[in-house]
PDB file of N, CA and C in Angstrom:
ATOM      1  N   UNK A   1      51.302 -23.926   6.184  1.00  0.00           N
ATOM      2  CA  UNK A   1      51.899 -25.211   5.853  1.00  0.00           C
ATOM      3  C   UNK A   1      51.264 -26.305   6.670  1.00  0.00           C
ATOM      4  N   UNK A   2      50.760 -27.265   5.987  1.00  0.00           N
ATOM      5  CA  UNK A   2      50.120 -28.362   6.736  1.00  0.00           C
ATOM      6  C   UNK A   2      51.126 -29.326   7.279  1.00  0.00           C
ATOM      7  N   UNK A   3      50.716 -30.052   8.322  1.00  0.00           N
ATOM      8  CA  UNK A   3      51.658 -30.981   8.986  1.00  0.00           C
ATOM      9  C   UNK A   3      52.149 -32.147   8.035  1.00  0.00           C
ATOM     10  N   UNK A   4      51.409 -32.410   7.048  1.00  0.00           N
ATOM     11  CA  UNK A   4      51.817 -33.492   6.121  1.00  0.00           C
ATOM     12  C   UNK A   4      52.977 -33.037   5.215  1.00  0.00           C
ATOM     13  N   UNK A   5      53.213 -31.749   5.078  1.00  0.00           N
ATOM     14  CA  UNK A   5      54.348 -31.266   4.344  1.00  0.00           C
ATOM     15  C   UNK A   5      55.619 -31.094   5.170  1.00  0.00           C
ATOM     16  N   UNK A   6      55.509 -31.219   6.541  1.00  0.00           N
ATOM     17  CA  UNK A   6      56.641 -31.119   7.302  1.00  0.00           C
ATOM     18  C   UNK A   6      57.417 -32.499   7.337  1.00  0.00           C
ATOM     19  N   UNK A   7      58.755 -32.454   7.078  1.00  0.00           N
ATOM     20  CA  UNK A   7      59.509 -33.669   7.115  1.00  0.00           C
ATOM     21  C   UNK A   7      59.466 -34.331   8.487  1.00  0.00           C
ATOM     22  N   UNK A   8      59.412 -35.675   8.528  1.00  0.00           N
ATOM     23  CA  UNK A   8      59.363 -36.420   9.775  1.00  0.00           C
ATOM     24  C   UNK A   8      60.643 -36.168  10.627  1.00  0.00           C
ATOM     25  N   UNK A   9      61.788 -35.957   9.974  1.00  0.00           N
ATOM     26  CA  UNK A   9      62.973 -35.697  10.702  1.00  0.00           C
ATOM     27  C   UNK A   9      62.846 -34.415  11.503  1.00  0.00           C
ATOM     28  N   UNK A  10      62.257 -33.400  10.953  1.00  0.00           N
ATOM     29  CA  UNK A  10      62.075 -32.153  11.708  1.00  0.00           C
ATOM     30  C   UNK A  10      61.147 -32.359  12.880  1.00  0.00           C
ATOM     31  N   UNK A  11      60.114 -33.112  12.719  1.00  0.00           N
ATOM     32  CA  UNK A  11      59.212 -33.360  13.879  1.00  0.00           C
ATOM     33  C   UNK A  11      59.913 -34.182  15.025  1.00  0.00           C
ATOM     34  N   UNK A  12      60.742 -35.091  14.558  1.00  0.00           N
ATOM     35  CA  UNK A  12      61.535 -35.870  15.582  1.00  0.00           C
ATOM     36  C   UNK A  12      62.415 -34.930  16.309  1.00  0.00           C
ATOM     37  N   UNK A  13      63.177 -34.041  15.576  1.00  0.00           N
ATOM     38  CA  UNK A  13      64.098 -33.137  16.229  1.00  0.00           C
ATOM     39  C   UNK A  13      63.364 -32.130  17.071  1.00  0.00           C
ATOM     40  N   UNK A  14      62.111 -31.739  16.616  1.00  0.00           N
ATOM     41  CA  UNK A  14      61.354 -30.792  17.365  1.00  0.00           C
ATOM     42  C   UNK A  14      60.955 -31.426  18.679  1.00  0.00           C
ATOM     43  N   UNK A  15      60.561 -32.679  18.695  1.00  0.00           N
ATOM     44  CA  UNK A  15      60.236 -33.371  19.954  1.00  0.00           C
ATOM     45  C   UNK A  15      61.436 -33.390  20.846  1.00  0.00           C
ATOM     46  N   UNK A  16      62.623 -33.651  20.322  1.00  0.00           N
ATOM     47  CA  UNK A  16      63.798 -33.681  21.186  1.00  0.00           C
ATOM     48  C   UNK A  16      64.066 -32.295  21.702  1.00  0.00           C
ATOM     49  N   UNK A  17      63.879 -31.245  20.972  1.00  0.00           N
ATOM     50  CA  UNK A  17      64.211 -29.942  21.403  1.00  0.00           C
ATOM     51  C   UNK A  17      63.193 -29.543  22.592  1.00  0.00           C
ATOM     52  N   UNK A  18      61.931 -29.910  22.439  1.00  0.00           N
ATOM     53  CA  UNK A  18      60.976 -29.607  23.488  1.00  0.00           C
ATOM     54  C   UNK A  18      61.330 -30.298  24.743  1.00  0.00           C
ATOM     55  N   UNK A  19      61.776 -31.619  24.598  1.00  0.00           N
ATOM     56  CA  UNK A  19      62.195 -32.426  25.831  1.00  0.00           C
ATOM     57  C   UNK A  19      63.439 -31.799  26.425  1.00  0.00           C
ATOM     58  N   UNK A  20      64.370 -31.352  25.628  1.00  0.00           N
ATOM     59  CA  UNK A  20      65.635 -30.718  26.167  1.00  0.00           C
ATOM     60  C   UNK A  20      65.307 -29.359  26.903  1.00  0.00           C
ATOM     61  N   UNK A  21      64.375 -28.616  26.353  1.00  0.00           N
ATOM     62  CA  UNK A  21      64.045 -27.389  26.976  1.00  0.00           C
ATOM     63  C   UNK A  21      63.334 -27.692  28.378  1.00  0.00           C
ATOM     64  N   UNK A  22      62.493 -28.634  28.344  1.00  0.00           N
ATOM     65  CA  UNK A  22      61.869 -29.015  29.640  1.00  0.00           C
ATOM     66  C   UNK A  22      62.865 -29.462  30.691  1.00  0.00           C
ATOM     67  N   UNK A  23      63.774 -30.302  30.236  1.00  0.00           N
ATOM     68  CA  UNK A  23      64.893 -30.839  31.102  1.00  0.00           C
ATOM     69  C   UNK A  23      65.739 -29.667  31.643  1.00  0.00           C
ATOM     70  N   UNK A  24      66.069 -28.789  30.774  1.00  0.00           N
ATOM     71  CA  UNK A  24      66.950 -27.674  31.155  1.00  0.00           C
ATOM     72  C   UNK A  24      66.227 -26.639  31.947  1.00  0.00           C
ATOM     73  N   UNK A  25      64.886 -26.528  31.768  1.00  0.00           N
ATOM     74  CA  UNK A  25      64.144 -25.490  32.526  1.00  0.00           C
ATOM     75  C   UNK A  25      64.156 -25.643  34.002  1.00  0.00           C
ATOM     76  N   UNK A  26      64.482 -26.827  34.512  1.00  0.00           N
ATOM     77  CA  UNK A  26      64.541 -27.052  35.991  1.00  0.00           C
ATOM     78  C   UNK A  26      65.593 -26.223  36.617  1.00  0.00           C
ATOM     79  N   UNK A  27      66.576 -25.760  35.810  1.00  0.00           N
ATOM     80  CA  UNK A  27      67.713 -24.968  36.386  1.00  0.00           C
ATOM     81  C   UNK A  27      67.276 -23.589  36.756  1.00  0.00           C
ATOM     82  N   UNK A  28      65.982 -23.233  36.402  1.00  0.00           N
ATOM     83  CA  UNK A  28      65.397 -21.935  36.871  1.00  0.00           C
ATOM     84  C   UNK A  28      65.358 -21.964  38.370  1.00  0.00           C
ATOM     85  N   UNK A  29      65.284 -23.256  39.001  1.00  0.00           N
ATOM     86  CA  UNK A  29      65.218 -23.424  40.383  1.00  0.00           C
ATOM     87  C   UNK A  29      66.387 -22.879  41.108  1.00  0.00           C
ATOM     88  N   UNK A  30      67.500 -22.643  40.457  1.00  0.00           N
ATOM     89  CA  UNK A  30      68.623 -21.988  41.214  1.00  0.00           C
ATOM     90  C   UNK A  30      68.280 -20.560  41.681  1.00  0.00           C
ATOM     91  N   UNK A  31      67.233 -19.954  41.039  1.00  0.00           N
ATOM     92  CA  UNK A  31      66.886 -18.596  41.404  1.00  0.00           C
ATOM     93  C   UNK A  31      65.751 -18.641  42.509  1.00  0.00           C
ATOM     94  N   UNK A  32      64.881 -19.621  42.409  1.00  0.00           N
ATOM     95  CA  UNK A  32      63.788 -19.761  43.376  1.00  0.00           C
ATOM     96  C   UNK A  32      63.358 -21.210  43.324  1.00  0.00           C
ATOM     97  N   UNK A  33      63.132 -21.746  44.538  1.00  0.00           N
ATOM     98  CA  UNK A  33      62.843 -23.223  44.595  1.00  0.00           C
ATOM     99  C   UNK A  33      61.662 -23.651  43.855  1.00  0.00           C
ATOM    100  N   UNK A  34      60.586 -22.826  43.587  1.00  0.00           N
ATOM    101  CA  UNK A  34      59.437 -23.219  42.879  1.00  0.00           C
ATOM    102  C   UNK A  34      59.795 -23.353  41.344  1.00  0.00           C
ATOM    103  N   UNK A  35      60.924 -22.702  40.988  1.00  0.00           N
ATOM    104  CA  UNK A  35      61.320 -22.792  39.566  1.00  0.00           C
ATOM    105  C   UNK A  35      61.589 -24.200  39.139  1.00  0.00           C
ATOM    106  N   UNK A  36      61.912 -25.118  40.018  1.00  0.00           N
ATOM    107  CA  UNK A  36      62.211 -26.479  39.716  1.00  0.00           C
ATOM    108  C   UNK A  36      60.941 -27.098  39.076  1.00  0.00           C
ATOM    109  N   UNK A  37      59.772 -26.618  39.436  1.00  0.00           N
ATOM    110  CA  UNK A  37      58.507 -27.149  38.958  1.00  0.00           C
ATOM    111  C   UNK A  37      57.873 -26.348  37.821  1.00  0.00           C
ATOM    112  N   UNK A  38      58.072 -25.034  37.870  1.00  0.00           N
ATOM    113  CA  UNK A  38      57.349 -24.190  36.904  1.00  0.00           C
ATOM    114  C   UNK A  38      57.694 -24.540  35.475  1.00  0.00           C
ATOM    115  N   UNK A  39      59.002 -24.661  35.145  1.00  0.00           N
ATOM    116  CA  UNK A  39      59.461 -24.902  33.777  1.00  0.00           C
ATOM    117  C   UNK A  39      58.841 -26.126  33.226  1.00  0.00           C
ATOM    118  N   UNK A  40      58.987 -27.288  33.791  1.00  0.00           N
ATOM    119  CA  UNK A  40      58.492 -28.498  33.261  1.00  0.00           C
ATOM    120  C   UNK A  40      56.966 -28.517  33.206  1.00  0.00           C
ATOM    121  N   UNK A  41      56.262 -27.985  34.240  1.00  0.00           N
ATOM    122  CA  UNK A  41      54.811 -27.955  34.142  1.00  0.00           C
ATOM    123  C   UNK A  41      54.250 -27.097  33.040  1.00  0.00           C
ATOM    124  N   UNK A  42      54.868 -25.871  32.914  1.00  0.00           N
ATOM    125  CA  UNK A  42      54.437 -24.989  31.810  1.00  0.00           C
ATOM    126  C   UNK A  42      54.661 -25.587  30.450  1.00  0.00           C
ATOM    127  N   UNK A  43      55.805 -26.194  30.297  1.00  0.00           N
ATOM    128  CA  UNK A  43      56.153 -26.849  28.959  1.00  0.00           C
ATOM    129  C   UNK A  43      55.158 -28.005  28.727  1.00  0.00           C
ATOM    130  N   UNK A  44      54.893 -28.703  29.770  1.00  0.00           N
ATOM    131  CA  UNK A  44      53.929 -29.875  29.636  1.00  0.00           C
ATOM    132  C   UNK A  44      52.532 -29.391  29.162  1.00  0.00           C
ATOM    133  N   UNK A  45      52.089 -28.264  29.869  1.00  0.00           N
ATOM    134  CA  UNK A  45      50.745 -27.732  29.485  1.00  0.00           C
ATOM    135  C   UNK A  45      50.702 -27.202  28.082  1.00  0.00           C
ATOM    136  N   UNK A  46      51.761 -26.499  27.727  1.00  0.00           N
ATOM    137  CA  UNK A  46      51.814 -25.905  26.336  1.00  0.00           C
ATOM    138  C   UNK A  46      51.935 -27.010  25.287  1.00  0.00           C
ATOM    139  N   UNK A  47      52.773 -28.040  25.517  1.00  0.00           N
ATOM    140  CA  UNK A  47      53.094 -28.967  24.457  1.00  0.00           C
ATOM    141  C   UNK A  47      52.489 -30.312  24.454  1.00  0.00           C
ATOM    142  N   UNK A  48      51.594 -30.540  25.489  1.00  0.00           N
ATOM    143  CA  UNK A  48      51.060 -31.863  25.638  1.00  0.00           C
ATOM    144  C   UNK A  48      50.209 -32.373  24.476  1.00  0.00           C
ATOM    145  N   UNK A  49      49.468 -31.411  23.805  1.00  0.00           N
ATOM    146  CA  UNK A  49      48.713 -31.825  22.629  1.00  0.00           C
ATOM    147  C   UNK A  49      49.513 -32.060  21.396  1.00  0.00           C
ATOM    148  N   UNK A  50      50.589 -31.349  21.246  1.00  0.00           N
ATOM    149  CA  UNK A  50      51.477 -31.523  20.051  1.00  0.00           C
ATOM    150  C   UNK A  50      52.465 -32.664  20.197  1.00  0.00           C
ATOM    151  N   UNK A  51      52.760 -33.043  21.393  1.00  0.00           N
ATOM    152  CA  UNK A  51      53.751 -34.093  21.607  1.00  0.00           C
ATOM    153  C   UNK A  51      53.225 -35.106  22.694  1.00  0.00           C
ATOM    154  N   UNK A  52      52.232 -35.925  22.247  1.00  0.00           N
ATOM    155  CA  UNK A  52      51.670 -36.922  23.234  1.00  0.00           C
ATOM    156  C   UNK A  52      52.675 -37.976  23.626  1.00  0.00           C
ATOM    157  N   UNK A  53      53.715 -38.194  22.786  1.00  0.00           N
ATOM    158  CA  UNK A  53      54.704 -39.200  23.049  1.00  0.00           C
ATOM    159  C   UNK A  53      55.600 -38.790  24.266  1.00  0.00           C
ATOM    160  N   UNK A  54      55.580 -37.482  24.599  1.00  0.00           N
ATOM    161  CA  UNK A  54      56.455 -37.026  25.724  1.00  0.00           C
ATOM    162  C   UNK A  54      55.663 -36.965  27.009  1.00  0.00           C
ATOM    163  N   UNK A  55      54.416 -37.474  27.127  1.00  0.00           N
ATOM    164  CA  UNK A  55      53.638 -37.381  28.292  1.00  0.00           C
ATOM    165  C   UNK A  55      54.309 -38.120  29.451  1.00  0.00           C
ATOM    166  N   UNK A  56      54.799 -39.329  29.254  1.00  0.00           N
ATOM    167  CA  UNK A  56      55.503 -40.055  30.323  1.00  0.00           C
ATOM    168  C   UNK A  56      56.807 -39.368  30.711  1.00  0.00           C
ATOM    169  N   UNK A  57      57.559 -38.810  29.710  1.00  0.00           N
ATOM    170  CA  UNK A  57      58.720 -38.072  30.013  1.00  0.00           C
ATOM    171  C   UNK A  57      58.409 -36.803  30.954  1.00  0.00           C
ATOM    172  N   UNK A  58      57.338 -36.022  30.577  1.00  0.00           N
ATOM    173  CA  UNK A  58      57.032 -34.953  31.455  1.00  0.00           C
ATOM    174  C   UNK A  58      56.630 -35.349  32.879  1.00  0.00           C
ATOM    175  N   UNK A  59      55.869 -36.440  32.915  1.00  0.00           N
ATOM    176  CA  UNK A  59      55.465 -36.912  34.292  1.00  0.00           C
ATOM    177  C   UNK A  59      56.633 -37.354  35.071  1.00  0.00           C
ATOM    178  N   UNK A  60      57.550 -38.045  34.454  1.00  0.00           N
ATOM    179  CA  UNK A  60      58.728 -38.495  35.159  1.00  0.00           C
ATOM    180  C   UNK A  60      59.594 -37.331  35.650  1.00  0.00           C
ATOM    181  N   UNK A  61      59.743 -36.318  34.880  1.00  0.00           N
ATOM    182  CA  UNK A  61      60.509 -35.196  35.182  1.00  0.00           C
ATOM    183  C   UNK A  61      59.869 -34.395  36.278  1.00  0.00           C
ATOM    184  N   UNK A  62      58.556 -34.216  36.242  1.00  0.00           N
ATOM    185  CA  UNK A  62      57.867 -33.461  37.362  1.00  0.00           C
ATOM    186  C   UNK A  62      57.925 -34.284  38.686  1.00  0.00           C
ATOM    187  N   UNK A  63      57.794 -35.625  38.545  1.00  0.00           N
ATOM    188  CA  UNK A  63      57.820 -36.489  39.773  1.00  0.00           C
ATOM    189  C   UNK A  63      59.244 -36.332  40.350  1.00  0.00           C
ATOM    190  N   UNK A  64      60.241 -36.313  39.595  1.00  0.00           N
ATOM    191  CA  UNK A  64      61.627 -36.179  39.982  1.00  0.00           C
ATOM    192  C   UNK A  64      61.816 -34.889  40.756  1.00  0.00           C
ATOM    193  N   UNK A  65      61.304 -33.778  40.190  1.00  0.00           N
ATOM    194  CA  UNK A  65      61.467 -32.474  40.886  1.00  0.00           C
ATOM    195  C   UNK A  65      60.662 -32.441  42.180  1.00  0.00           C
ATOM    196  N   UNK A  66      59.443 -32.898  42.161  1.00  0.00           N
ATOM    197  CA  UNK A  66      58.639 -32.910  43.474  1.00  0.00           C
ATOM    198  C   UNK A  66      59.423 -33.700  44.505  1.00  0.00           C
ATOM    199  N   UNK A  67      59.873 -34.889  44.081  1.00  0.00           N
ATOM    200  CA  UNK A  67      60.584 -35.755  45.099  1.00  0.00           C
ATOM    201  C   UNK A  67      61.808 -35.064  45.684  1.00  0.00           C
ATOM    202  N   UNK A  68      62.528 -34.363  44.823  1.00  0.00           N
ATOM    203  CA  UNK A  68      63.805 -33.784  45.392  1.00  0.00           C
ATOM    204  C   UNK A  68      63.478 -32.529  46.131  1.00  0.00           C
ATOM    205  N   UNK A  69      62.365 -31.826  45.812  1.00  0.00           N
ATOM    206  CA  UNK A  69      62.022 -30.736  46.734  1.00  0.00           C
ATOM    207  C   UNK A  69      61.583 -31.280  48.086  1.00  0.00           C
ATOM    208  N   UNK A  70      60.900 -32.427  48.068  1.00  0.00           N
ATOM    209  CA  UNK A  70      60.514 -33.056  49.327  1.00  0.00           C
ATOM    210  C   UNK A  70      61.773 -33.438  50.168  1.00  0.00           C
ATOM    211  N   UNK A  71      62.656 -34.138  49.431  1.00  0.00           N
ATOM    212  CA  UNK A  71      63.966 -34.530  50.038  1.00  0.00           C
ATOM    213  C   UNK A  71      64.620 -33.324  50.691  1.00  0.00           C
ATOM    214  N   UNK A  72      64.705 -32.237  49.896  1.00  0.00           N
ATOM    215  CA  UNK A  72      65.435 -31.009  50.370  1.00  0.00           C
ATOM    216  C   UNK A  72      64.699 -30.426  51.667  1.00  0.00           C
ATOM    217  N   UNK A  73      63.381 -30.462  51.620  1.00  0.00           N
ATOM    218  CA  UNK A  73      62.577 -29.923  52.745  1.00  0.00           C
ATOM    219  C   UNK A  73      62.830 -30.770  54.000  1.00  0.00           C
ATOM    220  N   UNK A  74      62.884 -32.088  53.833  1.00  0.00           N
ATOM    221  CA  UNK A  74      63.099 -32.959  54.993  1.00  0.00           C
ATOM    222  C   UNK A  74      64.506 -32.793  55.509  1.00  0.00           C
ATOM    223  N   UNK A  75      65.458 -32.661  54.604  1.00  0.00           N
ATOM    224  CA  UNK A  75      66.912 -32.445  55.074  1.00  0.00           C
ATOM    225  C   UNK A  75      66.982 -31.015  55.753  1.00  0.00           C
ATOM    226  N   UNK A  76      66.209 -30.080  55.353  1.00  0.00           N
ATOM    227  CA  UNK A  76      66.246 -28.791  55.982  1.00  0.00           C
ATOM    228  C   UNK A  76      65.643 -28.916  57.398  1.00  0.00           C
ATOM    229  N   UNK A  77      64.619 -29.598  57.538  1.00  0.00           N
ATOM    230  CA  UNK A  77      64.135 -29.921  58.910  1.00  0.00           C
ATOM    231  C   UNK A  77      65.113 -30.669  59.794  1.00  0.00           C
ATOM    232  N   UNK A  78      65.847 -31.582  59.193  1.00  0.00           N
ATOM    233  CA  UNK A  78      66.838 -32.357  59.906  1.00  0.00           C
ATOM    234  C   UNK A  78      68.036 -31.497  60.286  1.00  0.00           C
ATOM    235  N   UNK A  79      68.159 -30.314  59.747  1.00  0.00           N
ATOM    236  CA  UNK A  79      69.301 -29.389  60.164  1.00  0.00           C
ATOM    237  C   UNK A  79      69.138 -29.083  61.624  1.00  0.00           C
ATOM    238  N   UNK A  80      67.924 -29.224  62.234  1.00  0.00           N
ATOM    239  CA  UNK A  80      67.808 -29.021  63.645  1.00  0.00           C
ATOM    240  C   UNK A  80      68.586 -30.079  64.466  1.00  0.00           C
ATOM    241  N   UNK A  81      68.819 -31.219  63.950  1.00  0.00           N
ATOM    242  CA  UNK A  81      69.526 -32.238  64.627  1.00  0.00           C
ATOM    243  C   UNK A  81      70.916 -32.521  63.968  1.00  0.00           C
ATOM    244  N   UNK A  82      71.413 -31.559  63.285  1.00  0.00           N
ATOM    245  CA  UNK A  82      72.782 -31.573  62.599  1.00  0.00           C
ATOM    246  C   UNK A  82      72.808 -32.487  61.332  1.00  0.00           C
ATOM    247  N   UNK A  83      72.164 -33.578  61.350  1.00  0.00           N
ATOM    248  CA  UNK A  83      72.291 -34.477  60.181  1.00  0.00           C
ATOM    249  C   UNK A  83      71.914 -33.840  58.886  1.00  0.00           C
ATOM    250  N   UNK A  84      70.984 -32.863  58.896  1.00  0.00           N
ATOM    251  CA  UNK A  84      70.542 -32.219  57.721  1.00  0.00           C
ATOM    252  C   UNK A  84      71.674 -31.307  57.034  1.00  0.00           C
ATOM    253  N   UNK A  85      72.606 -30.879  57.873  1.00  0.00           N
ATOM    254  CA  UNK A  85      73.713 -30.128  57.381  1.00  0.00           C
ATOM    255  C   UNK A  85      74.526 -30.997  56.403  1.00  0.00           C
ATOM    256  N   UNK A  86      74.679 -32.294  56.754  1.00  0.00           N
ATOM    257  CA  UNK A  86      75.396 -33.274  55.807  1.00  0.00           C
ATOM    258  C   UNK A  86      74.455 -33.624  54.608  1.00  0.00           C
ATOM    259  N   UNK A  87      73.227 -33.804  54.865  1.00  0.00           N
ATOM    260  CA  UNK A  87      72.284 -34.224  53.884  1.00  0.00           C
ATOM    261  C   UNK A  87      72.111 -33.181  52.754  1.00  0.00           C
ATOM    262  N   UNK A  88      71.990 -31.974  53.075  1.00  0.00           N
ATOM    263  CA  UNK A  88      71.641 -30.908  52.107  1.00  0.00           C
ATOM    264  C   UNK A  88      72.593 -30.921  50.908  1.00  0.00           C
ATOM    265  N   UNK A  89      74.012 -30.904  51.161  1.00  0.00           N
ATOM    266  CA  UNK A  89      74.844 -30.915  50.020  1.00  0.00           C
ATOM    267  C   UNK A  89      74.822 -32.232  49.280  1.00  0.00           C
ATOM    268  N   UNK A  90      74.618 -33.261  49.990  1.00  0.00           N
ATOM    269  CA  UNK A  90      74.547 -34.614  49.298  1.00  0.00           C
ATOM    270  C   UNK A  90      73.361 -34.704  48.404  1.00  0.00           C
ATOM    271  N   UNK A  91      72.183 -34.217  48.871  1.00  0.00           N
ATOM    272  CA  UNK A  91      70.964 -34.198  47.993  1.00  0.00           C
ATOM    273  C   UNK A  91      71.253 -33.304  46.840  1.00  0.00           C
ATOM    274  N   UNK A  92      71.853 -32.178  47.010  1.00  0.00           N
ATOM    275  CA  UNK A  92      72.098 -31.224  45.853  1.00  0.00           C
ATOM    276  C   UNK A  92      72.977 -31.952  44.829  1.00  0.00           C
ATOM    277  N   UNK A  93      74.058 -32.548  45.257  1.00  0.00           N
ATOM    278  CA  UNK A  93      75.018 -33.178  44.359  1.00  0.00           C
ATOM    279  C   UNK A  93      74.371 -34.311  43.602  1.00  0.00           C
ATOM    280  N   UNK A  94      73.532 -35.153  44.306  1.00  0.00           N
ATOM    281  CA  UNK A  94      72.845 -36.264  43.684  1.00  0.00           C
ATOM    282  C   UNK A  94      71.864 -35.678  42.670  1.00  0.00           C
ATOM    283  N   UNK A  95      71.173 -34.605  42.947  1.00  0.00           N
ATOM    284  CA  UNK A  95      70.226 -34.018  42.039  1.00  0.00           C
ATOM    285  C   UNK A  95      70.906 -33.540  40.735  1.00  0.00           C
ATOM    286  N   UNK A  96      72.048 -32.860  40.959  1.00  0.00           N
ATOM    287  CA  UNK A  96      72.791 -32.376  39.772  1.00  0.00           C
ATOM    288  C   UNK A  96      73.292 -33.574  38.912  1.00  0.00           C
ATOM    289  N   UNK A  97      73.850 -34.615  39.536  1.00  0.00           N
ATOM    290  CA  UNK A  97      74.267 -35.814  38.808  1.00  0.00           C
ATOM    291  C   UNK A  97      73.182 -36.462  38.048  1.00  0.00           C
ATOM    292  N   UNK A  98      71.994 -36.614  38.718  1.00  0.00           N
ATOM    293  CA  UNK A  98      70.874 -37.346  38.049  1.00  0.00           C
ATOM    294  C   UNK A  98      70.277 -36.418  36.874  1.00  0.00           C
ATOM    295  N   UNK A  99      70.330 -35.089  37.084  1.00  0.00           N
ATOM    296  CA  UNK A  99      69.972 -34.201  35.975  1.00  0.00           C
ATOM    297  C   UNK A  99      70.865 -34.351  34.731  1.00  0.00           C
ATOM    298  N   UNK A 100      72.206 -34.441  35.045  1.00  0.00           N
ATOM    299  CA  UNK A 100      73.124 -34.584  33.930  1.00  0.00           C
ATOM    300  C   UNK A 100      72.916 -35.990  33.262  1.00  0.00           C
ATOM    301  N   UNK A 101      72.703 -36.979  34.018  1.00  0.00           N
ATOM    302  CA  UNK A 101      72.409 -38.335  33.448  1.00  0.00           C
ATOM    303  C   UNK A 101      71.194 -38.303  32.588  1.00  0.00           C
ATOM    304  N   UNK A 102      70.124 -37.613  33.146  1.00  0.00           N
ATOM    305  CA  UNK A 102      68.869 -37.460  32.337  1.00  0.00           C
ATOM    306  C   UNK A 102      69.110 -36.753  31.028  1.00  0.00           C
ATOM    307  N   UNK A 103      69.912 -35.732  31.055  1.00  0.00           N
ATOM    308  CA  UNK A 103      70.213 -34.985  29.832  1.00  0.00           C
ATOM    309  C   UNK A 103      71.006 -35.894  28.849  1.00  0.00           C
ATOM    310  N   UNK A 104      71.906 -36.607  29.292  1.00  0.00           N
ATOM    311  CA  UNK A 104      72.697 -37.571  28.377  1.00  0.00           C
ATOM    312  C   UNK A 104      71.739 -38.563  27.837  1.00  0.00           C
ATOM    313  N   UNK A 105      70.916 -39.149  28.637  1.00  0.00           N
ATOM    314  CA  UNK A 105      69.899 -40.148  28.171  1.00  0.00           C
ATOM    315  C   UNK A 105      68.996 -39.560  27.122  1.00  0.00           C
ATOM    316  N   UNK A 106      68.627 -38.278  27.353  1.00  0.00           N
ATOM    317  CA  UNK A 106      67.730 -37.600  26.440  1.00  0.00           C
ATOM    318  C   UNK A 106      68.410 -37.297  25.086  1.00  0.00           C
ATOM    319  N   UNK A 107      69.690 -37.037  25.187  1.00  0.00           N
ATOM    320  CA  UNK A 107      70.478 -36.775  23.950  1.00  0.00           C
ATOM    321  C   UNK A 107      70.581 -38.046  23.129  1.00  0.00           C
ATOM    322  N   UNK A 108      70.522 -39.205  23.782  1.00  0.00           N
ATOM    323  CA  UNK A 108      70.416 -40.458  23.066  1.00  0.00           C
ATOM    324  C   UNK A 108      69.126 -40.927  22.653  1.00  0.00           C
ATOM    325  N   UNK A 109      68.162 -39.989  22.618  1.00  0.00           N
ATOM    326  CA  UNK A 109      66.716 -40.272  22.262  1.00  0.00           C
ATOM    327  C   UNK A 109      66.086 -41.207  23.211  1.00  0.00           C
ATOM    328  N   UNK A 110      66.441 -41.278  24.474  1.00  0.00           N
ATOM    329  CA  UNK A 110      65.823 -42.136  25.427  1.00  0.00           C
ATOM    330  C   UNK A 110      64.893 -41.312  26.250  1.00  0.00           C
ATOM    331  N   UNK A 111      63.581 -41.219  25.717  1.00  0.00           N
ATOM    332  CA  UNK A 111      62.607 -40.387  26.467  1.00  0.00           C
ATOM    333  C   UNK A 111      61.963 -41.193  27.638  1.00  0.00           C
ATOM    334  N   UNK A 112      62.305 -42.455  27.783  1.00  0.00           N
ATOM    335  CA  UNK A 112      61.715 -43.286  28.812  1.00  0.00           C
ATOM    336  C   UNK A 112      62.640 -43.553  29.958  1.00  0.00           C
ATOM    337  N   UNK A 113      63.615 -42.648  30.196  1.00  0.00           N
ATOM    338  CA  UNK A 113      64.547 -42.799  31.268  1.00  0.00           C
ATOM    339  C   UNK A 113      63.787 -42.683  32.644  1.00  0.00           C
ATOM    340  N   UNK A 114      63.994 -43.628  33.473  1.00  0.00           N
ATOM    341  CA  UNK A 114      63.344 -43.567  34.862  1.00  0.00           C
ATOM    342  C   UNK A 114      64.387 -43.151  35.898  1.00  0.00           C
ATOM    343  N   UNK A 115      64.098 -42.040  36.554  1.00  0.00           N
ATOM    344  CA  UNK A 115      65.036 -41.574  37.595  1.00  0.00           C
ATOM    345  C   UNK A 115      64.942 -42.536  38.821  1.00  0.00           C
ATOM    346  N   UNK A 116      66.104 -42.877  39.402  1.00  0.00           N
ATOM    347  CA  UNK A 116      66.097 -43.764  40.486  1.00  0.00           C
ATOM    348  C   UNK A 116      65.544 -43.094  41.818  1.00  0.00           C
ATOM    349  N   UNK A 117      65.018 -43.901  42.679  1.00  0.00           N
ATOM    350  CA  UNK A 117      64.633 -43.424  44.040  1.00  0.00           C
ATOM    351  C   UNK A 117      63.688 -42.170  44.067  1.00  0.00           C
ATOM    352  N   UNK A 118      62.703 -42.222  43.212  1.00  0.00           N
ATOM    353  CA  UNK A 118      61.790 -41.100  43.256  1.00  0.00           C
ATOM    354  C   UNK A 118      60.388 -41.583  43.605  1.00  0.00           C
ATOM    355  N   UNK A 119      59.548 -40.767  44.071  1.00  0.00           N
ATOM    356  CA  UNK A 119      58.079 -41.030  44.374  1.00  0.00           C
ATOM    357  C   UNK A 119      57.344 -40.651  43.172  1.00  0.00           C
ATOM    358  N   UNK A 120      56.540 -41.556  42.647  1.00  0.00           N
ATOM    359  CA  UNK A 120      55.756 -41.278  41.432  1.00  0.00           C
ATOM    360  C   UNK A 120      54.366 -40.711  41.909  1.00  0.00           C
ATOM    361  N   UNK A 121      54.259 -39.410  41.904  1.00  0.00           N
ATOM    362  CA  UNK A 121      52.985 -38.726  42.266  1.00  0.00           C
ATOM    363  C   UNK A 121      51.976 -38.708  41.192  1.00  0.00           C
ATOM    364  N   UNK A 122      52.517 -38.493  39.931  1.00  0.00           N
ATOM    365  CA  UNK A 122      51.599 -38.337  38.779  1.00  0.00           C
ATOM    366  C   UNK A 122      51.663 -39.614  38.025  1.00  0.00           C
TER     367      UNK A 122
END
C-alpha cells in the first residue's frame, strides 16, 4: 500500500501514537535510571525519518529527561549535607507532575509543549 492511499487522519493519529509511546516510555526509568533516556532515544532513532514533525518534541523530551537525571544526581550528592534528603522527593514529585502535564498537552495535539526549568542540551 503506497502512502498516498493512506488516509491523512490515520497518519495524524499514528503521529500522536508515536509521540504518546515516546512520552510513556520514560516510565521504564522506574526499573533503571538509564531507562529514562533509552525509550525516547530509541523511538527518536526509529521514527525520525517517518515523523519529522516530531523532531522538536523528541528533543524536548530527551532534554527534560537529561535535566532531571542531572537534578537527581545533584540532589543525591547533597544528601551528604542533609538537604538532598528533602530535595530527592521534591524532584521526583515535580518530575511526575510535569510528565502528566506533558501527557495532557500531548493528548490535546500540542507537540510543541516546552517543559519549564530544563537545560536544552540538544
